[in-house]
Amino acid sequence: MKRLGDGAMAVFGDAERAVSAALDAQRGISKIDVDGYRPTQRAGVHRGTPRKVKGDFLGVDVNIAARVGDCADGGEVLISEPVREELDGRHFRFGPRRPLDAPGAPADLTVSAVKARRGK
């Protein structure tokens, strides 16, 4: 969708495709080794109703998605509760829920780490 400095934003039609893309990107990054340096990336996935304005998406949910990504650790894909509710537990494993402690995020929003189950 667009690049933001050293980050990026992508928009997907459903939660499973978004999370699968983030996990695929993590797997790709984990294979990079430059003179012993192995970069990590963090990713956040949130579901909402952003406004499409020309070729961009704007709104509160875009900001929340950025906060979810900011709170992820290197090598982690962090998802908001609305995303977790849409995912099939047969395909994904979830870490414990925790509050999203970030400025501008709803006080009651929880997040959790996600990983693909083997074979996915």
Protein backbone atom coordinates (compact mmCIF):
# COMPACT_ATOMS: atom_id res chain seq x y z
CA MET A 1 0.00 0.00 0.00
CA LYS A 2 2.62 2.56 1.06
CA ARG A 3 6.05 2.91 2.61
CA LEU A 4 6.56 4.96 5.75
CA GLY A 5 10.27 5.55 6.34
CA ASP A 6 11.57 2.13 7.32
CA GLY A 7 8.02 0.76 7.68
CA ALA A 8 5.15 -0.13 5.43
CA MET A 9 1.38 -0.29 5.53
CA ALA A 10 -0.68 -2.85 3.65
CA VAL A 11 -4.44 -3.30 3.41
CA PHE A 12 -6.10 -6.71 3.09
CA GLY A 13 -9.65 -7.90 2.58
CA ASP A 14 -9.59 -10.35 5.47
CA ALA A 15 -7.68 -11.03 8.68
CA GLU A 16 -6.26 -14.42 7.72
CA ARG A 17 -4.63 -13.07 4.56
CA ALA A 18 -3.18 -10.11 6.49
CA VAL A 19 -1.72 -12.27 9.26
CA SER A 20 -0.41 -14.87 6.81
CA ALA A 21 1.36 -12.11 4.86
CA ALA A 22 2.94 -10.72 8.03
CA LEU A 23 4.11 -14.21 9.10
CA ASP A 24 5.49 -14.89 5.59
CA ALA A 25 7.41 -11.62 5.74
CA GLN A 26 8.83 -12.62 9.14
CA ARG A 27 9.98 -15.97 7.73
CA GLY A 28 11.63 -14.22 4.77
CA ILE A 29 13.44 -11.71 6.98
CA SER A 30 14.67 -14.49 9.28
CA LYS A 31 16.62 -16.03 6.38
CA ILE A 32 18.72 -12.90 5.80
CA ASP A 33 22.26 -12.94 7.12
CA VAL A 34 24.69 -10.16 6.25
CA ASP A 35 28.14 -10.79 7.71
CA GLY A 36 26.61 -12.35 10.82
CA TYR A 37 23.93 -9.69 11.23
CA ARG A 38 20.38 -11.04 11.20
CA PRO A 39 17.75 -8.29 10.98
CA THR A 40 14.37 -8.62 12.64
CA GLN A 41 11.13 -6.94 11.88
CA ARG A 42 8.04 -6.34 13.94
CA ALA A 43 4.53 -6.35 12.56
CA GLY A 44 1.09 -5.41 13.77
CA VAL A 45 -2.29 -6.32 12.34
CA HIS A 46 -5.55 -4.57 13.21
CA ARG A 47 -9.03 -4.74 11.70
CA GLY A 48 -11.18 -1.69 11.26
CA THR A 49 -12.93 0.66 8.88
CA PRO A 50 -10.44 3.18 7.52
CA ARG A 51 -11.51 5.77 4.99
CA LYS A 52 -10.13 5.43 1.49
CA VAL A 53 -9.09 8.83 0.16
CA LYS A 54 -7.70 8.66 -3.38
CA GLY A 55 -4.90 6.08 -3.14
CA ASP A 56 -4.54 6.17 0.65
CA PHE A 57 -6.30 4.92 3.74
CA LEU A 58 -6.85 7.24 6.71
CA GLY A 59 -8.53 7.19 10.08
CA VAL A 60 -8.40 6.01 13.65
CA ASP A 61 -8.01 2.35 12.70
CA VAL A 62 -4.90 3.14 10.65
CA ASN A 63 -3.41 4.82 13.72
CA ILE A 64 -4.36 1.87 15.94
CA ALA A 65 -2.72 -0.55 13.49
CA ALA A 66 0.47 1.51 13.69
CA ARG A 67 0.36 1.38 17.52
CA VAL A 68 -0.11 -2.41 17.43
CA GLY A 69 2.97 -2.71 15.22
CA ASP A 70 4.95 -0.31 17.41
CA CYS A 71 4.27 -2.50 20.46
CA ALA A 72 5.48 -5.71 18.79
CA ASP A 73 8.94 -7.01 19.60
CA GLY A 74 11.47 -7.77 16.86
CA GLY A 75 10.48 -11.00 15.15
CA GLU A 76 6.92 -10.80 16.51
CA VAL A 77 3.58 -10.42 14.76
CA LEU A 78 1.14 -8.77 17.15
CA ILE A 79 -2.60 -8.77 16.45
CA SER A 80 -5.48 -6.84 17.95
CA GLU A 81 -8.46 -8.60 19.52
CA PRO A 82 -10.75 -7.93 16.50
CA VAL A 83 -8.23 -9.78 14.31
CA ARG A 84 -7.89 -12.67 16.79
CA GLU A 85 -11.67 -13.11 16.81
CA GLU A 86 -11.65 -13.66 13.03
CA LEU A 87 -8.80 -16.17 12.89
CA ASP A 88 -9.21 -19.93 12.89
CA GLY A 89 -7.41 -21.44 15.88
CA ARG A 90 -6.70 -24.56 13.82
CA HIS A 91 -4.31 -22.51 11.66
CA PHE A 92 -2.80 -20.14 14.22
CA ARG A 93 -1.41 -20.23 17.76
CA PHE A 94 -1.97 -17.24 20.00
CA GLY A 95 0.05 -15.82 22.87
CA PRO A 96 -1.66 -14.49 25.97
CA ARG A 97 -3.82 -11.40 25.64
CA ARG A 98 -2.38 -8.20 27.03
CA PRO A 99 -3.55 -4.58 27.06
CA LEU A 100 -2.28 -2.39 24.23
CA ASP A 101 -0.50 0.27 26.23
CA ALA A 102 0.04 2.93 23.59
CA PRO A 103 -0.91 6.60 23.27
CA GLY A 104 -4.03 7.09 21.19
CA ALA A 105 -5.13 3.45 21.42
CA PRO A 106 -8.45 2.49 23.04
CA ALA A 107 -7.91 1.70 26.72
CA ASP A 108 -9.80 -1.61 26.48
CA LEU A 109 -8.04 -2.97 23.36
CA THR A 110 -6.03 -6.14 23.89
CA VAL A 111 -3.36 -7.65 21.65
CA SER A 112 -1.60 -10.99 21.42
CA ALA A 113 1.27 -12.50 19.49
CA VAL A 114 0.39 -14.94 16.74
CA LYS A 115 2.26 -17.75 15.01
CA ALA A 116 1.26 -20.20 12.29
CA ARG A 117 0.61 -23.77 13.35
CA ARG A 118 2.95 -26.29 11.75
CA GLY A 119 2.13 -27.06 8.16
CA LYS A 120 0.45 -23.69 7.60
